Amino acid sequence: ATHIKPVRSEADVESALKLQLISTTILMVPAVYFAATTFLPEEFQLRKTVGMDVLTLHPWQATLCVIMGAVGGLIIGLITEYYTSHSYAPVRELADSCKTGAATNMIYGIALGYKSAIIPVLVLSVVVYGSFAIA
């Protein structure tokens, strides 16, 4: 994946990581669809994780579960980058809060940490629930 955009300097790291994250997600969606429709049978059965019931599934359901996970991972990666990169406002605001003292910095840092976890937790819960609902 490093051949998509080689990193020549420290300034290139952020854009290279973002490009690789987005491009691999875009490449995985059709690849997973192709693999599922090619290699999975028209119908297959899996035992439920809880209980002894058996599910009858189709390739499109497996494809959709994997795509939900890939897109969810992309969203979580982009949100994480936003809250941890110096290129965006949250980290710069946290750095500015250091000027007023340690207590302000700690309070702002904890609040930012809580705030940065909201979207990833929601995305992860939607992906897990959606995958279990589909399959």
C-alpha atoms as a PDB file:
ATOM      1  CA  ALA A   1       0.000   0.000   0.000  1.00  0.00           C
ATOM      2  CA  THR A   2       2.952   2.331   0.414  1.00  0.00           C
ATOM      3  CA  HIS A   3       3.437   2.409  -3.357  1.00  0.00           C
ATOM      4  CA  ILE A   4       0.217   4.387  -3.848  1.00  0.00           C
ATOM      5  CA  LYS A   5       1.853   7.501  -2.406  1.00  0.00           C
ATOM      6  CA  PRO A   6       5.390   7.052  -1.100  1.00  0.00           C
ATOM      7  CA  VAL A   7       6.317   9.036   1.993  1.00  0.00           C
ATOM      8  CA  ARG A   8       9.311  11.216   1.239  1.00  0.00           C
ATOM      9  CA  SER A   9       9.109  13.532   4.247  1.00  0.00           C
ATOM     10  CA  GLU A  10       7.339  13.814   7.582  1.00  0.00           C
ATOM     11  CA  ALA A  11       4.793  16.200   6.072  1.00  0.00           C
ATOM     12  CA  ASP A  12       3.668  13.482   3.617  1.00  0.00           C
ATOM     13  CA  VAL A  13       2.697  10.940   6.288  1.00  0.00           C
ATOM     14  CA  GLU A  14      -0.787  12.258   7.019  1.00  0.00           C
ATOM     15  CA  SER A  15      -1.913  12.579   3.410  1.00  0.00           C
ATOM     16  CA  ALA A  16      -0.401   9.185   2.506  1.00  0.00           C
ATOM     17  CA  LEU A  17      -2.247   7.450   5.350  1.00  0.00           C
ATOM     18  CA  LYS A  18      -5.536   9.100   4.430  1.00  0.00           C
ATOM     19  CA  LEU A  19      -5.133   8.208   0.751  1.00  0.00           C
ATOM     20  CA  GLN A  20      -4.297   4.595   1.596  1.00  0.00           C
ATOM     21  CA  LEU A  21      -7.228   4.273   3.983  1.00  0.00           C
ATOM     22  CA  ILE A  22      -9.704   5.627   1.449  1.00  0.00           C
ATOM     23  CA  SER A  23      -8.266   3.781  -1.545  1.00  0.00           C
ATOM     24  CA  THR A  24      -8.172   0.398   0.188  1.00  0.00           C
ATOM     25  CA  THR A  25     -11.794   0.786   1.252  1.00  0.00           C
ATOM     26  CA  ILE A  26     -12.807   1.714  -2.296  1.00  0.00           C
ATOM     27  CA  LEU A  27     -10.864  -1.257  -3.711  1.00  0.00           C
ATOM     28  CA  MET A  28     -12.208  -3.716  -1.134  1.00  0.00           C
ATOM     29  CA  VAL A  29     -15.899  -3.078  -1.849  1.00  0.00           C
ATOM     30  CA  PRO A  30     -15.942  -4.479  -5.411  1.00  0.00           C
ATOM     31  CA  ALA A  31     -13.346  -7.128  -4.506  1.00  0.00           C
ATOM     32  CA  VAL A  32     -15.525  -8.468  -1.689  1.00  0.00           C
ATOM     33  CA  TYR A  33     -18.583  -8.445  -3.937  1.00  0.00           C
ATOM     34  CA  PHE A  34     -16.699 -10.354  -6.630  1.00  0.00           C
ATOM     35  CA  ALA A  35     -15.279 -12.860  -4.134  1.00  0.00           C
ATOM     36  CA  ALA A  36     -18.649 -13.475  -2.473  1.00  0.00           C
ATOM     37  CA  THR A  37     -20.567 -13.949  -5.706  1.00  0.00           C
ATOM     38  CA  THR A  38     -17.818 -16.107  -7.215  1.00  0.00           C
ATOM     39  CA  PHE A  39     -16.795 -18.336  -4.331  1.00  0.00           C
ATOM     40  CA  LEU A  40     -19.850 -18.594  -2.093  1.00  0.00           C
ATOM     41  CA  PRO A  41     -22.733 -20.885  -3.057  1.00  0.00           C
ATOM     42  CA  GLU A  42     -26.145 -19.429  -3.886  1.00  0.00           C
ATOM     43  CA  GLU A  43     -27.293 -20.438  -0.418  1.00  0.00           C
ATOM     44  CA  PHE A  44     -25.288 -21.557   2.586  1.00  0.00           C
ATOM     45  CA  GLN A  45     -26.074 -22.295   6.196  1.00  0.00           C
ATOM     46  CA  LEU A  46     -24.446 -21.112   9.400  1.00  0.00           C
ATOM     47  CA  ARG A  47     -25.305 -21.917  12.976  1.00  0.00           C
ATOM     48  CA  LYS A  48     -26.280 -18.879  15.073  1.00  0.00           C
ATOM     49  CA  THR A  49     -23.733 -17.674  17.603  1.00  0.00           C
ATOM     50  CA  VAL A  50     -26.328 -17.948  20.367  1.00  0.00           C
ATOM     51  CA  GLY A  51     -28.580 -20.976  20.359  1.00  0.00           C
ATOM     52  CA  MET A  52     -28.766 -23.928  18.028  1.00  0.00           C
ATOM     53  CA  ASP A  53     -30.761 -22.343  15.177  1.00  0.00           C
ATOM     54  CA  VAL A  54     -29.386 -22.485  11.646  1.00  0.00           C
ATOM     55  CA  LEU A  55     -29.424 -19.482   9.319  1.00  0.00           C
ATOM     56  CA  THR A  56     -29.774 -19.781   5.552  1.00  0.00           C
ATOM     57  CA  LEU A  57     -27.727 -17.007   3.978  1.00  0.00           C
ATOM     58  CA  HIS A  58     -26.914 -15.668   0.508  1.00  0.00           C
ATOM     59  CA  PRO A  59     -23.710 -14.123  -0.854  1.00  0.00           C
ATOM     60  CA  TRP A  60     -25.194 -10.611  -0.902  1.00  0.00           C
ATOM     61  CA  GLN A  61     -25.696 -10.798   2.875  1.00  0.00           C
ATOM     62  CA  ALA A  62     -22.067 -11.726   3.486  1.00  0.00           C
ATOM     63  CA  THR A  63     -20.992  -8.992   1.084  1.00  0.00           C
ATOM     64  CA  LEU A  64     -23.086  -6.376   2.834  1.00  0.00           C
ATOM     65  CA  CYS A  65     -21.700  -7.329   6.252  1.00  0.00           C
ATOM     66  CA  VAL A  66     -18.110  -6.998   5.051  1.00  0.00           C
ATOM     67  CA  ILE A  67     -18.841  -3.711   3.258  1.00  0.00           C
ATOM     68  CA  MET A  68     -20.457  -2.316   6.403  1.00  0.00           C
ATOM     69  CA  GLY A  69     -17.316  -3.218   8.341  1.00  0.00           C
ATOM     70  CA  ALA A  70     -15.000  -1.678   5.739  1.00  0.00           C
ATOM     71  CA  VAL A  71     -16.962   1.562   5.497  1.00  0.00           C
ATOM     72  CA  GLY A  72     -17.335   1.687   9.275  1.00  0.00           C
ATOM     73  CA  GLY A  73     -13.577   1.286   9.614  1.00  0.00           C
ATOM     74  CA  LEU A  74     -13.055   4.089   7.114  1.00  0.00           C
ATOM     75  CA  ILE A  75     -15.359   6.419   9.048  1.00  0.00           C
ATOM     76  CA  ILE A  76     -13.682   5.560  12.344  1.00  0.00           C
ATOM     77  CA  GLY A  77     -10.245   6.106  10.785  1.00  0.00           C
ATOM     78  CA  LEU A  78     -11.176   9.505   9.379  1.00  0.00           C
ATOM     79  CA  ILE A  79     -12.783  10.634  12.642  1.00  0.00           C
ATOM     80  CA  THR A  80      -9.734   9.463  14.588  1.00  0.00           C
ATOM     81  CA  GLU A  81      -7.502  11.419  12.255  1.00  0.00           C
ATOM     82  CA  TYR A  82      -9.624  14.531  12.745  1.00  0.00           C
ATOM     83  CA  TYR A  83      -9.364  14.368  16.526  1.00  0.00           C
ATOM     84  CA  THR A  84      -5.652  13.448  16.680  1.00  0.00           C
ATOM     85  CA  SER A  85      -4.027  15.372  13.824  1.00  0.00           C
ATOM     86  CA  HIS A  86      -2.489  18.781  14.356  1.00  0.00           C
ATOM     87  CA  SER A  87      -3.922  19.791  10.984  1.00  0.00           C
ATOM     88  CA  TYR A  88      -7.424  20.086  12.452  1.00  0.00           C
ATOM     89  CA  ALA A  89      -8.995  22.339  15.082  1.00  0.00           C
ATOM     90  CA  PRO A  90      -9.425  19.959  18.064  1.00  0.00           C
ATOM     91  CA  VAL A  91      -5.703  19.359  18.565  1.00  0.00           C
ATOM     92  CA  ARG A  92      -4.877  23.017  18.020  1.00  0.00           C
ATOM     93  CA  GLU A  93      -7.517  24.073  20.548  1.00  0.00           C
ATOM     94  CA  LEU A  94      -6.107  21.570  23.030  1.00  0.00           C
ATOM     95  CA  ALA A  95      -2.633  23.009  22.503  1.00  0.00           C
ATOM     96  CA  ASP A  96      -4.012  26.519  23.086  1.00  0.00           C
ATOM     97  CA  SER A  97      -5.641  25.398  26.340  1.00  0.00           C
ATOM     98  CA  CYS A  98      -2.162  24.597  27.688  1.00  0.00           C
ATOM     99  CA  LYS A  99      -1.438  28.318  27.831  1.00  0.00           C
ATOM    100  CA  THR A 100      -3.897  28.880  30.684  1.00  0.00           C
ATOM    101  CA  GLY A 101      -2.590  26.119  32.942  1.00  0.00           C
ATOM    102  CA  ALA A 102      -2.392  22.425  33.618  1.00  0.00           C
ATOM    103  CA  ALA A 103      -5.903  22.058  35.046  1.00  0.00           C
ATOM    104  CA  THR A 104      -7.505  23.636  31.988  1.00  0.00           C
ATOM    105  CA  ASN A 105      -5.427  21.399  29.752  1.00  0.00           C
ATOM    106  CA  MET A 106      -6.479  18.270  31.656  1.00  0.00           C
ATOM    107  CA  ILE A 107     -10.165  19.190  31.642  1.00  0.00           C
ATOM    108  CA  TYR A 108     -10.126  20.106  27.977  1.00  0.00           C
ATOM    109  CA  GLY A 109      -8.157  16.964  27.089  1.00  0.00           C
ATOM    110  CA  ILE A 110     -10.558  14.659  28.930  1.00  0.00           C
ATOM    111  CA  ALA A 111     -13.567  16.393  27.368  1.00  0.00           C
ATOM    112  CA  LEU A 112     -12.001  16.111  23.917  1.00  0.00           C
ATOM    113  CA  GLY A 113     -11.281  12.437  24.501  1.00  0.00           C
ATOM    114  CA  TYR A 114     -14.917  11.778  25.416  1.00  0.00           C
ATOM    115  CA  LYS A 115     -16.136  13.815  22.471  1.00  0.00           C
ATOM    116  CA  SER A 116     -13.838  11.997  20.046  1.00  0.00           C
ATOM    117  CA  ALA A 117     -15.234   8.612  21.106  1.00  0.00           C
ATOM    118  CA  ILE A 118     -18.904   9.384  20.376  1.00  0.00           C
ATOM    119  CA  ILE A 119     -18.926   8.879  16.605  1.00  0.00           C
ATOM    120  CA  PRO A 120     -16.654   5.791  16.568  1.00  0.00           C
ATOM    121  CA  VAL A 121     -18.787   4.087  19.237  1.00  0.00           C
ATOM    122  CA  LEU A 122     -21.987   4.878  17.331  1.00  0.00           C
ATOM    123  CA  VAL A 123     -20.503   3.679  14.028  1.00  0.00           C
ATOM    124  CA  LEU A 124     -19.206   0.498  15.607  1.00  0.00           C
ATOM    125  CA  SER A 125     -22.545  -0.243  17.250  1.00  0.00           C
ATOM    126  CA  VAL A 126     -24.430   0.348  13.982  1.00  0.00           C
ATOM    127  CA  VAL A 127     -22.040  -1.925  12.073  1.00  0.00           C
ATOM    128  CA  VAL A 128     -22.263  -4.726  14.644  1.00  0.00           C
ATOM    129  CA  TYR A 129     -26.034  -4.472  14.971  1.00  0.00           C
ATOM    130  CA  GLY A 130     -26.490  -4.183  11.201  1.00  0.00           C
ATOM    131  CA  SER A 131     -24.285  -7.193  10.523  1.00  0.00           C
ATOM    132  CA  PHE A 132     -26.140  -9.328  13.020  1.00  0.00           C
ATOM    133  CA  ALA A 133     -29.508  -8.121  11.698  1.00  0.00           C
ATOM    134  CA  ILE A 134     -28.592  -8.899   8.077  1.00  0.00           C
ATOM    135  CA  ALA A 135     -27.040 -12.283   8.766  1.00  0.00           C
END
